[in-house]
Amino acid sequence: MYMKNFEAESLDEALKNIKRELGPDAIILKTITNNGLKGAFKKAKICVTAAISEKEYSDKANVDKVLNQEQKELFYNNSAASMAKSIKQYNNPTLINKNPLVSASYGNLSLNRQVKQAVGNQGLDEFLNKDRKQLESTNIAVDVSTVKGEEHLFTDTISNKKDDTYSKMVEIEEKMLDLEGKITQLNIEKNQNEIATNNNGLREVSQGLICLGIKESIIKKIMQVVVSELGPLEIDDMDKVNELVLKNFYEIIEVEQSLLESDNKDTISILFSEFSSGQSCSAVKLAARVKNCQIIEYIPVNVRDHKKYLAQDVFDIHPVKAYTLAEIVSCITKAKGEGKKIIIDFCGENNSAELSQIIDTIKRSFGSLEVLLNLSSINSENINKKMLEKYKKHITGLIYTYFDKCLDFGTIINAQYDYKIPILYFGTGPVVPKDIEVATKERLLSQIFDM
């Protein structure tokens, strides 16, 4: 398996270079667009990583050997499917006799003519130049598929409107090429996994990440990226390996600024949880942090009232209690009239239907709203995962409390990888308001890797 990076000013240019150098059967492994600040330090705007099997590359090279420069220009201006067909027929001439359909002209060159017309004393150069004008009159429409995200196949869709039978043949061939591409991708991943397993340095890094509680599926994915991006000479450079591993973890973590931190006073934040996680303490810390904020404690009939915190008097925080949805709306209206930001401390437990009703009502009546799930960093991974799974359609952000007492930061990475819900705050102690901080990727990574 051959892999190579292609840099160009545009995606079309990169795809043309890939088709010319690796051939029409190449597959796209990754596409990187160098925009913004990153692009200022790059020579090219697009970087595409492509790969091709050794056999397909060898077949393509066999055809290159018998073409002169002019013929190559004509040949590589054809569609990828036409080139692939011609290369396959040249390297396997018996295929032409088995299928009468392929005797029809296919593309702008004649590599797919019947073998009996091209073999014998007639050379390939003479064969290519014969009846070119007649072949160029063939009406074939080509649609080159675009490349989106980290990994897609390099395929073309051929449509011949004049011949239904021919179109069906091309459709079947495309499916076969697509399947071959997927198999090739699986083989690439298998080879990458074998390299990561057999390399002592990578194996040691993987074992270290497992000890941190990070899921093996995440580690496997990161090791594949490391093997793909670092060449044979760099794979043993542990500084580069560790740098790339950190970069991948940095991309996994999602953080976001809370509405409470914005200058907009017309904001509402709902805090909720199902298990003991210091939720009400978080509400008091946030109210003291952002100032001019009203806490509304929603207390259903079957839930006992909250205890009062000393910090409420110190920071002039006076929560109001609401026992019904109508009272919540009334309290919000009053607080908004006073120009205050609003935090709703939702005390109902195991009642997603009630939470959903409150969220829908506030959105319809007041608009701007964020819903923050309070998770304890010292709870088991299963407990936190259960809440994330149950409320994921409502959650807009996360608060991790007891962050200073966490012993298993890998569970936070696992949740980030699985649910991609941004973290807004870390609770780091009981002191109001000092012990709550805006979440950053660097803060989490420093705790995981003790940096």
Protein backbone atom coordinates (compact mmCIF):
# COMPACT_ATOMS: atom_id res chain seq x y z
CA MET A 1 0.00 0.00 0.00
CA TYR A 2 1.42 3.38 -1.11
CA MET A 3 0.37 6.60 0.69
CA LYS A 4 1.30 10.16 -0.23
CA ASN A 5 0.35 13.75 0.64
CA PHE A 6 -0.61 16.08 -2.22
CA GLU A 7 -0.56 19.85 -1.69
CA ALA A 8 -2.32 22.23 -4.05
CA GLU A 9 -4.11 25.55 -4.27
CA SER A 10 -7.49 23.91 -4.90
CA LEU A 11 -9.18 20.57 -4.41
CA ASP A 12 -9.59 20.09 -8.18
CA GLU A 13 -5.86 20.57 -8.70
CA ALA A 14 -5.05 18.10 -5.92
CA LEU A 15 -7.42 15.47 -7.37
CA LYS A 16 -5.86 15.87 -10.84
CA ASN A 17 -2.39 15.38 -9.39
CA ILE A 18 -3.55 12.28 -7.50
CA LYS A 19 -5.13 10.80 -10.62
CA ARG A 20 -1.97 11.48 -12.65
CA GLU A 21 0.54 10.16 -10.10
CA LEU A 22 -1.31 7.34 -8.33
CA GLY A 23 -3.94 6.52 -10.92
CA PRO A 24 -7.75 6.46 -11.01
CA ASP A 25 -8.07 3.77 -8.33
CA ALA A 26 -6.54 5.96 -5.59
CA ILE A 27 -8.66 6.58 -2.50
CA ILE A 28 -8.77 9.70 -0.36
CA LEU A 29 -7.77 9.11 3.27
CA LYS A 30 -7.86 12.66 4.55
CA THR A 31 -8.36 16.24 3.36
CA ILE A 32 -6.99 19.24 5.28
CA THR A 33 -7.94 22.82 4.36
CA ASN A 34 -5.40 25.40 5.52
CA ASN A 35 -7.60 28.40 6.25
CA GLY A 36 -7.22 31.37 8.58
CA LEU A 37 -4.14 31.71 10.75
CA LYS A 38 -3.02 28.17 10.01
CA GLY A 39 -3.07 28.85 6.29
CA ALA A 40 -0.79 31.85 6.66
CA PHE A 41 2.10 29.51 7.43
CA LYS A 42 1.32 26.94 4.73
CA LYS A 43 2.44 27.04 1.12
CA ALA A 44 -0.70 25.36 -0.18
CA LYS A 45 -4.35 25.80 0.77
CA ILE A 46 -5.29 22.12 0.41
CA CYS A 47 -3.47 18.99 1.61
CA VAL A 48 -4.94 15.66 0.52
CA THR A 49 -3.62 12.27 1.67
CA ALA A 50 -4.26 9.51 -0.88
CA ALA A 51 -3.38 5.82 -1.11
CA ILE A 52 -3.37 3.02 -3.66
CA SER A 53 -2.62 -0.69 -3.50
CA GLU A 54 0.68 -1.96 -4.87
CA LYS A 55 -1.03 -4.03 -7.59
CA GLU A 56 -3.15 -1.12 -8.87
CA TYR A 57 -0.12 1.18 -8.86
CA SER A 58 1.89 -1.44 -10.76
CA ASP A 59 -0.88 -1.81 -13.38
CA LYS A 60 -0.94 1.96 -13.86
CA ALA A 61 2.85 2.07 -14.21
CA ASN A 62 2.72 -0.61 -16.95
CA VAL A 63 0.53 1.68 -19.06
CA ASP A 64 2.72 4.74 -18.35
CA LYS A 65 5.75 2.92 -19.77
CA VAL A 66 4.24 2.63 -23.25
CA LEU A 67 2.76 6.14 -23.48
CA ASN A 68 4.66 9.19 -24.69
CA GLN A 69 4.10 12.61 -23.09
CA GLU A 70 1.38 13.69 -25.50
CA GLN A 71 -0.51 10.42 -25.06
CA LYS A 72 -0.24 10.72 -21.30
CA GLU A 73 -1.81 14.20 -21.43
CA LEU A 74 -4.75 12.83 -23.42
CA PHE A 75 -5.03 9.71 -21.28
CA TYR A 76 -5.09 11.50 -17.92
CA ASN A 77 -7.68 13.99 -19.10
CA ASN A 78 -10.19 11.14 -19.30
CA SER A 79 -12.58 10.32 -16.48
CA ALA A 80 -11.24 8.21 -13.63
CA ALA A 81 -13.64 5.35 -14.40
CA SER A 82 -12.60 5.32 -18.07
CA MET A 83 -8.91 5.28 -17.12
CA ALA A 84 -9.47 2.48 -14.60
CA LYS A 85 -11.27 0.41 -17.21
CA SER A 86 -8.56 0.96 -19.80
CA ILE A 87 -5.74 0.12 -17.36
CA LYS A 88 -7.54 -3.03 -16.27
CA GLN A 89 -8.05 -4.16 -19.86
CA TYR A 90 -4.45 -3.44 -20.82
CA ASN A 91 -3.12 -5.52 -17.93
CA ASN A 92 -5.78 -8.22 -18.37
CA PRO A 93 -6.43 -8.39 -22.15
CA THR A 94 -8.56 -11.55 -21.83
CA LEU A 95 -11.28 -9.49 -20.12
CA ILE A 96 -12.22 -7.85 -23.42
CA ASN A 97 -13.15 -11.11 -25.14
CA LYS A 98 -15.31 -12.21 -22.21
CA ASN A 99 -17.65 -9.23 -22.33
CA PRO A 100 -18.90 -7.95 -25.69
CA LEU A 101 -20.16 -4.75 -24.08
CA VAL A 102 -16.69 -3.35 -23.53
CA SER A 103 -15.99 -3.26 -27.25
CA ALA A 104 -17.85 0.05 -27.34
CA SER A 105 -15.65 3.14 -27.15
CA TYR A 106 -15.03 4.20 -23.57
CA GLY A 107 -13.40 7.56 -22.91
CA ASN A 108 -11.20 9.56 -25.30
CA LEU A 109 -8.59 6.81 -25.91
CA SER A 110 -8.76 3.26 -27.26
CA LEU A 111 -7.16 1.17 -24.55
CA ASN A 112 -10.42 -0.76 -24.30
CA ARG A 113 -10.62 -1.90 -27.88
CA GLN A 114 -10.84 -5.62 -28.64
CA VAL A 115 -7.48 -7.26 -28.03
CA LYS A 116 -7.50 -8.82 -31.51
CA GLN A 117 -7.37 -5.32 -32.96
CA ALA A 118 -4.36 -4.23 -30.90
CA VAL A 119 -2.07 -7.24 -30.44
CA GLY A 120 0.33 -8.80 -32.91
CA ASN A 121 2.78 -6.53 -34.75
CA GLN A 122 0.82 -3.43 -33.91
CA GLY A 123 2.40 -1.40 -31.06
CA LEU A 124 0.45 0.41 -28.32
CA ASP A 125 1.48 3.84 -29.69
CA GLU A 126 -0.06 3.03 -33.07
CA PHE A 127 -3.05 1.49 -31.33
CA LEU A 128 -3.67 4.62 -29.24
CA ASN A 129 -3.56 6.99 -32.22
CA LYS A 130 -5.91 4.97 -34.39
CA ASP A 131 -9.36 6.46 -35.04
CA ARG A 132 -8.97 9.01 -32.22
CA LYS A 133 -11.34 11.52 -33.79
CA GLN A 134 -14.03 8.89 -34.10
CA LEU A 135 -13.58 7.93 -30.45
CA GLU A 136 -13.71 11.55 -29.26
CA SER A 137 -17.22 11.89 -30.70
CA THR A 138 -18.56 9.51 -28.06
CA ASN A 139 -20.94 11.40 -25.73
CA ILE A 140 -20.11 10.52 -22.10
CA ALA A 141 -21.03 12.72 -19.10
CA VAL A 142 -18.76 12.62 -16.09
CA ASP A 143 -19.60 13.63 -12.53
CA VAL A 144 -16.59 13.76 -10.19
CA SER A 145 -17.67 13.31 -6.56
CA THR A 146 -16.58 15.92 -4.04
CA VAL A 147 -14.53 15.11 -0.94
CA LYS A 148 -16.05 15.98 2.49
CA GLY A 149 -14.53 15.48 6.10
CA GLU A 150 -11.52 13.32 7.08
CA GLU A 151 -12.09 10.07 4.92
CA HIS A 152 -13.97 9.53 1.56
CA LEU A 153 -13.46 7.40 -1.60
CA PHE A 154 -12.08 8.92 -4.81
CA THR A 155 -14.78 7.81 -7.29
CA ASP A 156 -16.42 9.03 -10.51
CA THR A 157 -20.01 8.46 -11.68
CA ILE A 158 -20.37 7.66 -15.37
CA SER A 159 -23.69 8.11 -17.16
CA ASN A 160 -24.35 7.19 -20.79
CA LYS A 161 -27.88 8.30 -21.59
CA LYS A 162 -27.90 6.64 -25.02
CA ASP A 163 -27.37 3.10 -23.82
CA ASP A 164 -29.31 1.75 -20.82
CA THR A 165 -27.40 -1.51 -20.83
CA TYR A 166 -24.09 0.31 -20.79
CA SER A 167 -25.30 2.52 -17.90
CA LYS A 168 -26.21 -0.52 -15.83
CA MET A 169 -22.79 -2.02 -16.49
CA VAL A 170 -21.12 1.20 -15.32
CA GLU A 171 -23.34 1.32 -12.21
CA ILE A 172 -22.31 -2.20 -11.26
CA GLU A 173 -18.67 -1.35 -11.87
CA GLU A 174 -18.94 1.71 -9.63
CA LYS A 175 -20.37 -0.38 -6.81
CA MET A 176 -17.49 -2.80 -7.22
CA LEU A 177 -14.97 0.05 -7.12
CA ASP A 178 -16.68 1.46 -4.04
CA LEU A 179 -16.50 -1.91 -2.34
CA GLU A 180 -12.85 -2.30 -3.31
CA GLY A 181 -12.15 1.13 -1.83
CA LYS A 182 -13.78 0.18 1.46
CA ILE A 183 -11.82 -3.07 1.59
CA THR A 184 -8.63 -1.13 0.89
CA GLN A 185 -9.47 1.29 3.69
CA LEU A 186 -10.01 -1.62 6.09
CA ASN A 187 -6.65 -3.07 5.06
CA ILE A 188 -4.99 0.31 5.69
CA GLU A 189 -6.50 0.47 9.17
CA LYS A 190 -5.42 -3.11 9.80
CA ASN A 191 -1.85 -2.27 8.77
CA GLN A 192 -1.89 0.84 10.96
CA ASN A 193 -3.10 -1.19 13.94
CA GLU A 194 -0.35 -3.76 13.37
CA ILE A 195 2.30 -1.03 13.25
CA ALA A 196 0.95 0.55 16.44
CA THR A 197 0.88 -2.85 18.17
CA ASN A 198 4.37 -3.90 17.09
CA ASN A 199 6.08 -0.56 17.76
CA ASN A 200 7.39 -0.52 21.34
CA GLY A 201 7.01 3.24 21.76
CA LEU A 202 3.41 3.36 20.49
CA ARG A 203 2.50 0.30 22.53
CA GLU A 204 3.85 1.98 25.66
CA VAL A 205 1.86 5.16 24.92
CA SER A 206 -1.32 3.09 24.37
CA GLN A 207 -0.88 1.25 27.65
CA GLY A 208 -0.37 4.55 29.46
CA LEU A 209 -3.62 5.93 28.02
CA ILE A 210 -5.49 2.77 29.04
CA CYS A 211 -4.26 3.29 32.61
CA LEU A 212 -5.81 6.78 32.51
CA GLY A 213 -9.24 5.22 31.88
CA ILE A 214 -9.50 6.23 28.23
CA LYS A 215 -11.50 3.85 26.04
CA GLU A 216 -9.55 1.51 23.78
CA SER A 217 -11.60 2.58 20.74
CA ILE A 218 -10.39 6.18 21.22
CA ILE A 219 -6.79 5.06 21.71
CA LYS A 220 -6.99 2.87 18.59
CA LYS A 221 -8.30 5.80 16.53
CA ILE A 222 -5.55 8.11 17.76
CA MET A 223 -2.83 5.53 17.07
CA GLN A 224 -4.13 5.16 13.50
CA VAL A 225 -3.77 8.93 13.04
CA VAL A 226 -0.24 8.83 14.47
CA VAL A 227 0.83 6.03 12.11
CA SER A 228 -0.82 7.79 9.15
CA GLU A 229 0.73 11.21 9.74
CA LEU A 230 4.21 10.17 10.88
CA GLY A 231 6.50 8.42 8.42
CA PRO A 232 8.74 5.42 9.18
CA LEU A 233 11.60 7.72 10.24
CA GLU A 234 9.41 9.76 12.63
CA ILE A 235 7.37 6.98 14.20
CA ASP A 236 10.11 6.32 16.77
CA ASP A 237 10.44 9.99 17.72
CA MET A 238 8.43 9.96 20.96
CA ASP A 239 8.38 13.75 21.21
CA LYS A 240 6.52 13.96 17.90
CA VAL A 241 4.28 11.02 18.84
CA ASN A 242 3.31 12.63 22.17
CA GLU A 243 2.74 15.99 20.47
CA LEU A 244 0.40 14.39 17.94
CA VAL A 245 -1.44 12.45 20.68
CA LEU A 246 -2.00 15.68 22.63
CA LYS A 247 -3.22 17.39 19.47
CA ASN A 248 -5.83 14.67 18.94
CA PHE A 249 -7.07 14.90 22.51
CA TYR A 250 -7.24 18.68 22.14
CA GLU A 251 -9.55 18.22 19.15
CA ILE A 252 -11.78 15.76 21.05
CA ILE A 253 -12.49 18.17 23.93
CA GLU A 254 -15.38 20.63 23.42
CA VAL A 255 -15.59 23.83 25.49
CA GLU A 256 -17.87 26.83 25.14
CA GLN A 257 -18.59 30.14 26.84
CA SER A 258 -21.73 30.27 28.97
CA LEU A 259 -24.44 32.84 28.30
CA LEU A 260 -23.79 34.01 31.85
CA GLU A 261 -20.32 35.20 30.78
CA SER A 262 -21.67 37.34 27.94
CA ASP A 263 -22.61 41.02 28.13
CA ASN A 264 -26.17 40.14 27.22
CA LYS A 265 -28.37 40.47 30.32
CA ASP A 266 -31.34 38.80 28.67
CA THR A 267 -30.14 35.25 29.47
CA ILE A 268 -31.61 32.25 31.31
CA SER A 269 -29.59 29.25 32.51
CA ILE A 270 -31.13 26.04 33.87
CA LEU A 271 -28.99 23.87 36.16
CA PHE A 272 -30.12 20.31 36.82
CA SER A 273 -28.88 16.89 37.87
CA GLU A 274 -30.22 13.58 39.15
CA PHE A 275 -27.55 12.70 41.69
CA SER A 276 -25.70 14.63 44.38
CA SER A 277 -23.26 16.83 42.50
CA GLY A 278 -23.22 20.20 44.27
CA GLN A 279 -25.75 21.66 41.86
CA SER A 280 -27.22 24.32 44.19
CA CYS A 281 -23.72 25.31 45.31
CA SER A 282 -22.79 25.75 41.63
CA ALA A 283 -25.80 28.04 41.18
CA VAL A 284 -24.70 30.22 44.11
CA LYS A 285 -21.10 30.36 42.82
CA LEU A 286 -22.25 31.40 39.36
CA ALA A 287 -24.63 34.05 40.73
CA ALA A 288 -21.80 35.50 42.82
CA ARG A 289 -19.41 35.33 39.89
CA VAL A 290 -21.52 37.13 37.28
CA LYS A 291 -23.30 39.51 39.73
CA ASN A 292 -26.74 41.05 39.23
CA CYS A 293 -28.18 37.56 38.89
CA GLN A 294 -31.41 36.08 40.22
CA ILE A 295 -31.58 32.42 41.32
CA ILE A 296 -34.98 30.77 40.97
CA GLU A 297 -35.20 27.52 42.91
CA TYR A 298 -37.78 25.24 41.35
CA ILE A 299 -38.93 22.89 44.10
CA PRO A 300 -41.60 20.29 43.23
CA VAL A 301 -44.04 19.28 45.96
CA ASN A 302 -42.26 15.97 46.66
CA VAL A 303 -38.82 17.60 47.07
CA ARG A 304 -37.67 19.21 50.31
CA ASP A 305 -36.45 22.82 50.37
CA HIS A 306 -32.77 23.62 49.91
CA LYS A 307 -30.52 24.62 52.74
CA LYS A 308 -29.37 28.22 52.83
CA TYR A 309 -25.70 29.01 52.10
CA LEU A 310 -23.82 31.61 54.15
CA ALA A 311 -22.41 33.00 50.90
CA GLN A 312 -25.92 34.09 49.89
CA ASP A 313 -25.88 36.79 52.56
CA VAL A 314 -22.25 37.72 51.90
CA PHE A 315 -22.82 38.30 48.18
CA ASP A 316 -26.38 39.62 48.55
CA ILE A 317 -27.92 36.66 46.75
CA HIS A 318 -31.59 36.09 47.53
CA PRO A 319 -33.03 33.04 45.75
CA VAL A 320 -36.77 32.95 45.15
CA LYS A 321 -38.72 29.72 45.32
CA ALA A 322 -41.14 28.47 42.68
CA TYR A 323 -43.31 25.38 43.05
CA THR A 324 -45.14 25.37 39.69
CA LEU A 325 -44.36 26.22 36.08
CA ALA A 326 -46.60 29.30 36.30
CA GLU A 327 -44.60 30.58 39.29
CA ILE A 328 -41.33 30.02 37.34
CA VAL A 329 -42.65 32.15 34.47
CA SER A 330 -43.78 34.85 36.92
CA CYS A 331 -40.37 34.95 38.65
CA ILE A 332 -38.54 35.14 35.30
CA THR A 333 -40.73 38.02 34.14
CA LYS A 334 -40.06 39.95 37.34
CA ALA A 335 -36.28 39.35 37.22
CA LYS A 336 -36.11 40.40 33.59
CA GLY A 337 -37.94 43.59 34.46
CA GLU A 338 -35.16 44.33 36.96
CA GLY A 339 -32.49 43.71 34.29
CA LYS A 340 -31.07 40.59 35.95
CA LYS A 341 -29.61 37.43 34.51
CA ILE A 342 -31.46 34.32 35.62
CA ILE A 343 -30.34 30.94 36.96
CA ILE A 344 -33.01 28.28 37.48
CA ASP A 345 -31.95 25.68 40.03
CA PHE A 346 -34.07 22.69 38.93
CA CYS A 347 -34.50 20.42 41.95
CA GLY A 348 -36.79 17.80 40.47
CA GLU A 349 -35.21 14.36 40.19
CA ASN A 350 -35.81 11.62 37.61
CA ASN A 351 -38.43 13.66 35.79
CA SER A 352 -37.30 14.34 32.23
CA ALA A 353 -40.88 15.02 31.08
CA GLU A 354 -41.25 17.87 33.59
CA LEU A 355 -37.85 19.29 32.62
CA SER A 356 -38.79 19.11 28.94
CA GLN A 357 -42.03 20.98 29.61
CA ILE A 358 -40.22 23.75 31.51
CA ILE A 359 -37.59 24.09 28.76
CA ASP A 360 -40.21 24.29 25.98
CA THR A 361 -42.28 26.87 27.88
CA ILE A 362 -39.29 29.13 28.62
CA LYS A 363 -38.05 28.92 25.01
CA ARG A 364 -41.46 29.91 23.65
CA SER A 365 -41.93 32.72 26.15
CA PHE A 366 -38.44 34.19 26.55
CA GLY A 367 -36.12 32.86 23.84
CA SER A 368 -32.47 32.78 24.94
CA LEU A 369 -31.85 29.71 27.13
CA GLU A 370 -29.04 27.29 28.04
CA VAL A 371 -29.53 23.97 29.82
CA LEU A 372 -26.55 22.86 31.92
CA LEU A 373 -26.21 19.35 33.27
CA ASN A 374 -24.30 19.25 36.55
CA LEU A 375 -22.04 16.17 36.71
CA SER A 376 -19.82 15.13 39.58
CA SER A 377 -16.26 14.27 38.54
CA ILE A 378 -16.10 11.67 41.32
CA ASN A 379 -19.24 9.81 40.26
CA SER A 380 -18.76 6.54 38.38
CA GLU A 381 -18.58 6.70 34.60
CA ASN A 382 -21.78 4.65 34.29
CA ILE A 383 -23.80 7.11 36.41
CA ASN A 384 -22.67 10.12 34.38
CA LYS A 385 -23.14 8.27 31.10
CA LYS A 386 -26.68 7.31 32.13
CA MET A 387 -27.59 10.98 32.68
CA LEU A 388 -25.92 12.08 29.44
CA GLU A 389 -27.81 9.46 27.47
CA LYS A 390 -31.13 10.33 29.14
CA TYR A 391 -30.94 14.11 28.73
CA LYS A 392 -28.70 14.55 25.67
CA LYS A 393 -31.49 16.09 23.57
CA HIS A 394 -31.95 18.87 26.16
CA ILE A 395 -28.36 19.59 27.23
CA THR A 396 -26.48 22.55 25.74
CA GLY A 397 -23.52 22.43 28.15
CA LEU A 398 -21.89 20.66 31.11
CA ILE A 399 -20.58 21.65 34.53
CA TYR A 400 -18.12 19.22 36.13
CA THR A 401 -18.01 19.65 39.92
CA TYR A 402 -15.47 18.16 42.35
CA PHE A 403 -12.94 18.59 39.56
CA ASP A 404 -10.18 19.00 42.15
CA LYS A 405 -10.97 15.56 43.63
CA CYS A 406 -11.27 13.64 40.36
CA LEU A 407 -9.08 10.54 40.05
CA ASP A 408 -10.27 9.35 36.63
CA PHE A 409 -10.16 12.15 34.06
CA GLY A 410 -10.32 9.59 31.27
CA THR A 411 -14.07 9.28 31.87
CA ILE A 412 -14.47 12.96 30.94
CA ILE A 413 -12.57 12.37 27.68
CA ASN A 414 -14.76 9.34 26.94
CA ALA A 415 -17.92 11.40 27.46
CA GLN A 416 -16.55 14.17 25.22
CA TYR A 417 -15.77 11.67 22.46
CA ASP A 418 -19.19 9.96 22.66
CA TYR A 419 -21.53 12.95 23.15
CA LYS A 420 -19.58 16.04 21.99
CA ILE A 421 -21.43 18.27 24.48
CA PRO A 422 -19.32 21.32 25.41
CA ILE A 423 -18.03 21.83 28.96
CA LEU A 424 -18.69 25.31 30.37
CA TYR A 425 -17.35 25.24 33.94
CA PHE A 426 -15.20 23.25 36.35
CA GLY A 427 -16.10 23.27 40.06
CA THR A 428 -12.87 23.08 42.05
CA GLY A 429 -13.89 23.48 45.71
CA PRO A 430 -16.40 24.90 48.21
CA VAL A 431 -15.28 28.54 48.20
CA VAL A 432 -17.77 31.00 46.64
CA PRO A 433 -17.20 32.29 44.00
CA LYS A 434 -13.50 31.45 43.61
CA ASP A 435 -13.91 27.70 43.22
CA ILE A 436 -15.71 27.70 39.90
CA GLU A 437 -13.79 28.44 36.71
CA VAL A 438 -14.50 28.70 33.00
CA ALA A 439 -13.57 25.39 31.37
CA THR A 440 -10.62 25.30 28.97
CA LYS A 441 -9.09 22.47 26.99
CA GLU A 442 -5.66 23.22 28.44
CA ARG A 443 -6.96 22.88 32.01
CA LEU A 444 -8.39 19.41 31.37
CA LEU A 445 -5.32 18.20 29.48
CA SER A 446 -3.01 19.46 32.23
CA GLN A 447 -4.94 17.39 34.76
CA ILE A 448 -4.91 14.26 32.59
CA PHE A 449 -1.25 14.35 31.64
CA ASP A 450 0.03 16.12 34.75
CA MET A 451 1.52 18.97 32.72
